[in-house]
Structures are given as C-alpha cells and as structure tokens.
Amino acid sequence: MRIPSYEIPQADNLIDVVRTVIAVSQGARTYQQIAQAINKVERQGRYYRKAAEIVGMISTPSANKSILTPLGQAFIQTNPVLTNPALLRGVLNSRIFQRIIPFLELKGINGASRQEFETFLIATADFGESMAERRISTIISWLIELEIIQIRNSRFVLSNQTINQRLENIEFNNSDEPLLPNTNDLNEYNIVQQRTASAREAIITYRDTASLERADNAHRRLVNLTSERIRNAGALPKYNQLIDLATHIDGNDFIFEMKSTTTNNEKAQMRAGLSQLYEYRFLQNKPTAKLILVIENPLSTKEQWRQNYLEHDRDVYLVWDGNDELHGNEKTRNDLSFLGLI
C-alpha cells in the first residue's frame, strides 16, 4: 500500500512544529490560534497542526479544537527541544519515516543519492503531483534537523548512532509494516499487509498477549538486555505490537521473542515462543530471518532436551538470562557474536 498524502507532513520547519506543540500546551486550540502563536498565516497553521498530529504530539478530536496527546504532554514536560527523545520517537512512529529508516539502513555506509531517495519516496507514497516537491523537501529537512541522516559526498547516510543515543528501540506502530524489508519494493509491503489482514483475529490475540507480557518486569529486562547489545553493535533494535525485537546486522535479519520462565511454566512458554517466532517470520515475509528465543532462566534438568530440539531440529537459537548476563551454547555464541553471550 502506498502511504496516503494525508499521512505525509508538509511543514518544512521542524522547530515550528515544536512551537506548535508548545502553543497547544499554552491554550491554542484552533489552527487560526496556532498560526498566530507561531507567526504564520492561517493556511500554514493548518499545515503545522497536521504535522504535529502526524508525529503524535497533538490530536484534534472535535472540529478545530486541538489538544496534547500523552506523547505531547511528555514532550512538553521534558524540555520541548529538537533533541528530546520524545520528538524522535513520534517522528519515527509515522509510517513514512518507518519506511525511510529500513531503506537507508539497507544502503549502509554508502548511503543513497538524493535522486535514489526521491525515487523511493515517490514509489512508496502518494505525494500528489502538486505537493510532491514540497513534501519531499519537508522530509529531508526533518531528517537533517533531527540528525537522523548525515550528508557525505552528496549522499544521505543513516546515523544509527544518533538514533541509538536517543532511543532504546524503534517502535513500529503499524503491525502490517515490514520491520526488515529486503528490497523496499512496494510489493514487499503489500505481501506483509495482506498476510496481517488475513490473520487479523490471531494478531489481536497476539497483540493482547504481548501487551500483558511487556508489563512483566522479567520480560522488560530481557528486552532491555538484548536491545542494549544490538545498539552496541551499531544496529537498530525495532519492535511492533507483536514482535519483541527485530534487527538487521551484517546482511542478516534477526527476530527475537522474549519469555519470562519458571520451572512451572517453562514448557508452555517455550512452546508458545517457538510458534510465535515461526508465525511472526511468516507474517513479516522473512523466510531467511534467524529466530532467537530469549528466556528468563536456564532450562531445568527435565527440559534440557528442548535446547537440542530447538537448535538442531527447529533451527531456533536459545538464549537465557543469568544475573543480567545473556548465555548460549558455543554455536549460538559464535553465530550471534553481537550479543556478547557467555
């Protein structure tokens, strides 16, 4: 699916988007009031309000009456500046930027020329002929202002370091967006969207289960431990409503599922994690992605055989926590060296 034009900002100056959020926090409700507060004409007041909506900072639940969202409130309360992680999280949660990040990620250290970048944007989004130039200019301006990209030899290079310094991981708010596209071809996006649409009931169940699990302290610790190792490797940890973590490192794709375990539930948790990994890989159209199950505790003696089953029969790596250190067998340590396993 091409991204519709109404999801693409056309407000060139990101600082004025920040000022828009501040204006709403100070009582501006209509686009006319917003325009006055940021010294713009009324038409631009609409543009900047829409941009702030796209990045999740404000909402307009009733006609021409805008309010702060929880993200917008957090942004205001924690110093509303360009380097605030809340702003980067909001920008990267918008669909257009969720396609840009993997595109530039695949380009690696050589980056993309402006023409390559524009060609990709036009292929993946419906800019509208009259607005294409302005919206592309806006996107590039935001990428530069947020320091998401660096320009080297007239090429756009993704700055993983900047993103990782401000965010622990990147949330993909739409579960039908590929986390790890191979080609950035629109057909690849369509396949993922078709598969997630056909599995809607299962996805609702998984989403609810994932929401409960992520409230668990042990689960959060596993995610944080793994995310930190991914960032230290210079890669970007990503997640969506279903998948705990996914990343692309050295030409390989990895999908992680975290499970809190005890001796009473380890069998059920291992089975659940295994099935989820296979289904997530299918839904994401990533048949060659490496699957990793991360559990809270080492397997009990009676369940030790499952490690051999997972790794030799199911081709799934098993990693476990031990005193805030991640462990794995020799093959897993070698194959997943970026995790620094013991």
Protein backbone atom coordinates (compact mmCIF):
# COMPACT_ATOMS: atom_id res chain seq x y z
CA MET A 1 0.00 0.00 0.00
CA ARG A 2 1.26 3.45 -0.88
CA ILE A 3 1.19 5.86 2.03
CA PRO A 4 -1.66 8.35 1.53
CA SER A 5 -0.79 12.02 1.20
CA TYR A 6 -2.58 13.00 4.41
CA GLU A 7 0.00 10.98 6.40
CA ILE A 8 2.91 12.97 4.96
CA PRO A 9 3.89 16.30 6.55
CA GLN A 10 4.30 19.48 4.51
CA ALA A 11 5.63 21.74 7.27
CA ASP A 12 9.24 22.43 6.36
CA ASN A 13 10.50 23.83 9.66
CA LEU A 14 10.58 21.21 12.42
CA ILE A 15 11.27 23.89 15.01
CA ASP A 16 7.91 25.44 14.16
CA VAL A 17 6.28 22.03 14.64
CA VAL A 18 7.77 22.09 18.15
CA ARG A 19 6.43 25.61 18.61
CA THR A 20 3.01 24.33 17.51
CA VAL A 21 3.04 21.72 20.28
CA ILE A 22 4.09 24.38 22.78
CA ALA A 23 1.30 26.68 21.54
CA VAL A 24 -1.31 23.96 22.07
CA SER A 25 0.08 23.31 25.54
CA GLN A 26 -0.43 27.02 26.28
CA GLY A 27 -4.06 27.06 25.14
CA ALA A 28 -4.06 27.44 21.36
CA ARG A 29 -6.88 25.24 20.10
CA THR A 30 -7.77 26.24 16.55
CA TYR A 31 -5.47 26.34 13.56
CA GLN A 32 -6.03 30.10 13.48
CA GLN A 33 -4.75 30.41 17.04
CA ILE A 34 -1.84 28.11 16.25
CA ALA A 35 -0.94 30.22 13.20
CA GLN A 36 -0.97 33.37 15.29
CA ALA A 37 1.15 31.79 18.02
CA ILE A 38 3.88 30.65 15.59
CA ASN A 39 3.69 33.76 13.39
CA LYS A 40 2.28 32.04 10.32
CA VAL A 41 -0.66 32.67 8.03
CA GLU A 42 -3.79 30.60 8.68
CA ARG A 43 -3.08 28.17 5.85
CA GLN A 44 0.27 27.37 7.44
CA GLY A 45 -1.45 26.97 10.79
CA ARG A 46 -3.29 24.01 9.27
CA TYR A 47 -0.06 22.54 7.87
CA TYR A 48 1.77 22.75 11.16
CA ARG A 49 -1.14 21.42 13.16
CA LYS A 50 -1.33 18.45 10.79
CA ALA A 51 2.41 17.85 11.10
CA ALA A 52 2.15 17.80 14.90
CA GLU A 53 -0.72 15.31 14.56
CA ILE A 54 1.31 13.07 12.23
CA VAL A 55 4.10 12.79 14.80
CA GLY A 56 1.59 12.02 17.55
CA MET A 57 2.08 15.15 19.64
CA ILE A 58 -1.43 16.58 19.33
CA SER A 59 -4.86 15.36 18.29
CA THR A 60 -7.98 17.15 17.12
CA PRO A 61 -10.86 15.04 18.43
CA SER A 62 -13.50 17.67 17.68
CA ALA A 63 -13.79 20.24 14.92
CA ASN A 64 -10.84 22.64 15.01
CA LYS A 65 -10.06 22.02 18.70
CA SER A 66 -6.63 20.53 19.26
CA ILE A 67 -5.25 19.01 22.47
CA LEU A 68 -1.99 17.42 23.54
CA THR A 69 -1.63 13.65 23.37
CA PRO A 70 0.17 11.73 26.14
CA LEU A 71 3.31 11.84 23.98
CA GLY A 72 2.88 15.58 23.54
CA GLN A 73 2.48 16.02 27.29
CA ALA A 74 5.64 14.03 27.93
CA PHE A 75 7.45 16.16 25.35
CA ILE A 76 6.38 19.41 26.99
CA GLN A 77 7.26 18.16 30.47
CA THR A 78 10.76 17.00 29.50
CA ASN A 79 12.08 20.07 27.66
CA PRO A 80 10.48 20.56 24.22
CA VAL A 81 13.56 20.79 22.00
CA LEU A 82 14.69 19.02 18.83
CA THR A 83 16.95 16.63 20.73
CA ASN A 84 14.18 15.43 23.04
CA PRO A 85 13.81 11.64 22.51
CA ALA A 86 10.00 12.00 22.57
CA LEU A 87 10.12 14.01 19.35
CA LEU A 88 12.31 11.44 17.59
CA ARG A 89 10.03 8.65 18.80
CA GLY A 90 7.00 10.49 17.43
CA VAL A 91 8.63 11.13 14.06
CA LEU A 92 9.83 7.53 13.70
CA ASN A 93 6.37 6.28 14.63
CA SER A 94 4.89 7.85 11.49
CA ARG A 95 4.51 5.49 8.57
CA ILE A 96 6.56 7.48 6.06
CA PHE A 97 9.62 7.50 8.32
CA GLN A 98 9.09 3.84 9.17
CA ARG A 99 9.73 3.13 5.52
CA ILE A 100 12.62 5.55 5.20
CA ILE A 101 14.63 4.02 8.06
CA PRO A 102 14.84 0.48 6.56
CA PHE A 103 15.51 1.95 3.10
CA LEU A 104 18.53 3.89 4.35
CA GLU A 105 19.54 1.04 6.63
CA LEU A 106 19.92 -1.25 3.62
CA LYS A 107 22.01 1.39 1.84
CA GLY A 108 24.60 1.10 4.59
CA ILE A 109 27.64 3.33 4.88
CA ASN A 110 27.47 4.33 1.20
CA GLY A 111 24.04 5.87 1.65
CA ALA A 112 21.64 6.96 -1.09
CA SER A 113 21.84 9.79 -3.56
CA ARG A 114 19.11 12.40 -3.46
CA GLN A 115 17.70 11.03 -6.71
CA GLU A 116 17.60 7.48 -5.31
CA PHE A 117 15.92 8.79 -2.19
CA GLU A 118 13.31 10.78 -4.10
CA THR A 119 12.62 7.83 -6.41
CA PHE A 120 11.99 5.61 -3.38
CA LEU A 121 9.68 8.15 -1.74
CA ILE A 122 7.61 8.63 -4.90
CA ALA A 123 7.29 4.87 -5.28
CA THR A 124 6.20 4.25 -1.68
CA ALA A 125 3.93 7.24 -1.04
CA ASP A 126 1.17 9.20 -2.77
CA PHE A 127 2.51 12.73 -2.54
CA GLY A 128 0.15 14.25 -5.07
CA GLU A 129 1.76 15.88 -8.09
CA SER A 130 1.32 19.42 -6.86
CA MET A 131 2.74 18.72 -3.41
CA ALA A 132 5.50 16.17 -4.13
CA GLU A 133 8.39 18.63 -4.18
CA ARG A 134 7.29 20.39 -1.00
CA ARG A 135 6.69 17.19 0.96
CA ILE A 136 9.96 15.62 -0.11
CA SER A 137 11.71 18.83 0.93
CA THR A 138 9.97 18.64 4.31
CA ILE A 139 11.04 15.04 4.88
CA ILE A 140 14.67 15.77 4.02
CA SER A 141 14.62 18.88 6.21
CA TRP A 142 13.32 16.88 9.19
CA LEU A 143 15.90 14.13 8.69
CA ILE A 144 18.67 16.71 8.73
CA GLU A 145 17.27 18.72 11.67
CA LEU A 146 16.92 15.58 13.78
CA GLU A 147 20.40 14.42 12.68
CA ILE A 148 18.90 11.12 11.52
CA ILE A 149 20.96 11.40 8.36
CA GLN A 150 24.40 12.70 7.58
CA ILE A 151 25.26 14.02 4.13
CA ARG A 152 28.52 12.58 2.85
CA ASN A 153 29.69 13.22 -0.69
CA SER A 154 26.16 14.40 -1.56
CA ARG A 155 24.67 11.11 -0.31
CA PHE A 156 22.24 10.52 2.55
CA VAL A 157 23.69 8.16 5.18
CA LEU A 158 21.60 6.90 8.10
CA SER A 159 23.03 7.83 11.51
CA ASN A 160 22.34 4.77 13.66
CA GLN A 161 24.42 6.36 16.40
CA THR A 162 22.14 9.38 16.75
CA ILE A 163 19.03 7.21 16.87
CA ASN A 164 20.53 4.80 19.38
CA GLN A 165 21.71 7.62 21.63
CA ARG A 166 18.17 8.95 21.95
CA LEU A 167 16.04 5.81 21.78
CA GLU A 168 16.38 2.34 23.30
CA ASN A 169 14.49 0.90 20.33
CA ILE A 170 12.28 1.98 17.45
CA GLU A 171 8.57 1.28 17.74
CA PHE A 172 6.68 0.44 14.56
CA ASN A 173 3.14 1.38 15.49
CA ASN A 174 1.65 -0.45 12.50
CA SER A 175 1.95 -4.24 12.74
CA ASP A 176 1.37 -4.50 8.98
CA GLU A 177 4.60 -2.62 8.20
CA PRO A 178 7.70 -4.73 7.44
CA LEU A 179 10.30 -4.34 10.15
CA LEU A 180 13.06 -5.77 7.95
CA PRO A 181 12.29 -5.26 4.25
CA ASN A 182 14.80 -6.68 1.78
CA THR A 183 14.18 -4.56 -1.28
CA ASN A 184 11.88 -1.71 -0.26
CA ASP A 185 9.78 -2.67 -3.26
CA LEU A 186 6.10 -1.81 -2.78
CA ASN A 187 5.13 -5.41 -3.50
CA GLU A 188 7.03 -6.48 -0.40
CA TYR A 189 4.92 -4.14 1.73
CA ASN A 190 1.74 -5.39 0.08
CA ILE A 191 2.57 -9.02 0.94
CA VAL A 192 3.03 -8.20 4.62
CA GLN A 193 -0.17 -6.16 4.70
CA GLN A 194 -2.14 -8.95 3.01
CA ARG A 195 -0.81 -11.57 5.42
CA THR A 196 -1.54 -9.50 8.52
CA ALA A 197 -5.02 -8.67 7.23
CA SER A 198 -5.82 -12.36 6.71
CA ALA A 199 -4.56 -13.20 10.21
CA ARG A 200 -6.45 -10.39 11.91
CA GLU A 201 -8.02 -12.49 14.68
CA ALA A 202 -4.75 -14.20 15.55
CA ILE A 203 -2.96 -10.84 15.57
CA ILE A 204 -5.48 -9.38 18.01
CA THR A 205 -4.80 -12.32 20.35
CA TYR A 206 -1.04 -11.98 19.97
CA ARG A 207 -1.21 -8.23 20.47
CA ASP A 208 -3.15 -8.63 23.72
CA THR A 209 -0.76 -11.33 24.94
CA ALA A 210 2.27 -9.19 24.03
CA SER A 211 0.79 -6.23 25.89
CA LEU A 212 0.42 -8.30 29.06
CA GLU A 213 3.90 -9.79 28.75
CA ARG A 214 5.54 -6.40 28.27
CA ALA A 215 4.10 -5.29 31.60
CA ASP A 216 6.15 -8.04 33.25
CA ASN A 217 9.44 -6.91 34.81
CA ALA A 218 11.34 -10.01 33.73
CA HIS A 219 10.17 -9.59 30.14
CA ARG A 220 11.23 -5.94 30.09
CA ARG A 221 14.65 -6.87 31.46
CA LEU A 222 15.17 -9.40 28.67
CA VAL A 223 14.18 -6.85 26.05
CA ASN A 224 16.45 -4.20 27.56
CA LEU A 225 19.43 -6.56 27.80
CA THR A 226 19.07 -7.65 24.20
CA SER A 227 18.32 -4.17 22.87
CA GLU A 228 21.47 -2.84 24.54
CA ARG A 229 23.61 -5.48 22.81
CA ILE A 230 22.06 -4.63 19.44
CA ARG A 231 22.74 -0.92 19.92
CA ASN A 232 26.31 -1.62 21.00
CA ALA A 233 26.77 -3.48 17.71
CA GLY A 234 25.76 -0.29 15.88
CA ALA A 235 22.46 -1.73 14.66
CA LEU A 236 18.88 -0.56 15.23
CA PRO A 237 16.57 -2.57 17.52
CA LYS A 238 12.95 -2.38 16.35
CA TYR A 239 9.66 -3.74 17.60
CA ASN A 240 5.94 -3.62 16.86
CA GLN A 241 2.76 -4.64 18.62
CA LEU A 242 3.65 -8.32 18.19
CA ILE A 243 7.40 -8.74 17.77
CA ASP A 244 9.55 -8.07 20.83
CA LEU A 245 12.66 -7.15 18.85
CA ALA A 246 14.00 -7.38 15.31
CA THR A 247 17.20 -6.12 13.76
CA HIS A 248 19.39 -6.23 10.66
CA ILE A 249 23.12 -6.86 11.23
CA ASP A 250 25.85 -7.62 8.68
CA GLY A 251 23.37 -8.62 5.99
CA ASN A 252 21.34 -10.89 8.28
CA ASP A 253 17.88 -10.41 9.77
CA PHE A 254 17.03 -11.46 13.32
CA ILE A 255 13.68 -11.81 15.09
CA PHE A 256 13.55 -12.19 18.89
CA GLU A 257 10.85 -13.43 21.21
CA MET A 258 11.28 -12.96 24.97
CA LYS A 259 9.66 -15.22 27.54
CA SER A 260 9.68 -14.99 31.32
CA THR A 261 10.04 -18.53 32.66
CA THR A 262 9.88 -20.55 35.85
CA THR A 263 10.15 -24.30 36.41
CA ASN A 264 6.34 -24.39 36.43
CA ASN A 265 5.73 -22.70 33.08
CA GLU A 266 8.90 -23.23 31.02
CA LYS A 267 7.39 -25.94 28.79
CA ALA A 268 4.35 -23.85 27.92
CA GLN A 269 6.44 -20.71 27.43
CA MET A 270 8.94 -22.47 25.18
CA ARG A 271 6.15 -23.87 23.02
CA ALA A 272 4.43 -20.51 22.80
CA GLY A 273 7.64 -18.72 21.93
CA LEU A 274 8.53 -21.22 19.22
CA SER A 275 5.16 -20.98 17.49
CA GLN A 276 5.15 -17.19 17.72
CA LEU A 277 8.59 -16.89 16.13
CA TYR A 278 7.56 -19.01 13.15
CA GLU A 279 4.30 -17.13 12.69
CA TYR A 280 5.92 -13.71 13.02
CA ARG A 281 8.52 -14.66 10.43
CA PHE A 282 5.75 -15.70 8.05
CA LEU A 283 3.68 -12.56 8.67
CA GLN A 284 6.74 -10.40 8.07
CA ASN A 285 7.63 -12.35 4.90
CA LYS A 286 11.14 -13.06 6.18
CA PRO A 287 11.76 -16.76 5.39
CA THR A 288 15.53 -16.47 5.95
CA ALA A 289 15.41 -14.45 9.18
CA LYS A 290 17.24 -16.05 12.09
CA LEU A 291 14.96 -16.77 15.05
CA ILE A 292 16.05 -16.30 18.65
CA LEU A 293 14.09 -17.31 21.76
CA VAL A 294 15.31 -15.50 24.88
CA ILE A 295 14.15 -16.92 28.21
CA GLU A 296 14.43 -15.68 31.77
CA ASN A 297 16.13 -18.68 33.37
CA PRO A 298 18.26 -21.65 32.30
CA LEU A 299 16.20 -24.71 31.44
CA SER A 300 15.53 -27.16 34.26
CA THR A 301 17.11 -30.59 34.05
CA LYS A 302 13.93 -32.24 32.80
CA GLU A 303 13.55 -29.69 29.99
CA GLN A 304 17.19 -29.55 28.88
CA TRP A 305 16.40 -31.67 25.83
CA ARG A 306 14.39 -28.76 24.40
CA GLN A 307 17.54 -26.82 23.68
CA ASN A 308 18.76 -29.57 21.36
CA TYR A 309 15.30 -29.77 19.79
CA LEU A 310 15.11 -26.02 19.21
CA GLU A 311 18.59 -25.57 17.82
CA HIS A 312 19.05 -28.73 15.79
CA ASP A 313 15.54 -29.61 14.69
CA ARG A 314 13.79 -26.23 14.58
CA ASP A 315 16.83 -24.04 13.75
CA VAL A 316 15.93 -21.62 16.55
CA TYR A 317 18.63 -20.19 18.80
CA LEU A 318 18.09 -20.37 22.56
CA VAL A 319 19.45 -17.62 24.80
CA TRP A 320 18.87 -17.29 28.54
CA ASP A 321 19.46 -14.72 31.24
CA GLY A 322 21.69 -15.32 34.23
CA ASN A 323 22.42 -12.49 36.64
CA ASP A 324 21.76 -9.89 33.93
CA GLU A 325 24.12 -11.63 31.51
CA LEU A 326 22.98 -13.44 28.38
CA HIS A 327 24.07 -17.05 27.85
CA GLY A 328 24.06 -19.52 24.98
CA ASN A 329 25.84 -22.64 23.80
CA GLU A 330 29.03 -22.49 21.73
CA LYS A 331 27.32 -22.41 18.33
CA THR A 332 24.90 -19.72 19.46
CA ARG A 333 27.75 -17.66 20.91
CA ASN A 334 29.60 -17.86 17.60
CA ASP A 335 26.60 -17.23 15.33
CA LEU A 336 25.23 -14.39 17.48
CA SER A 337 28.54 -12.81 18.46
CA PHE A 338 26.98 -9.35 18.54
CA LEU A 339 25.03 -10.38 21.66
CA GLY A 340 28.20 -10.97 23.68
CA LEU A 341 26.90 -14.24 25.09
CA ILE A 342 28.62 -16.12 27.88
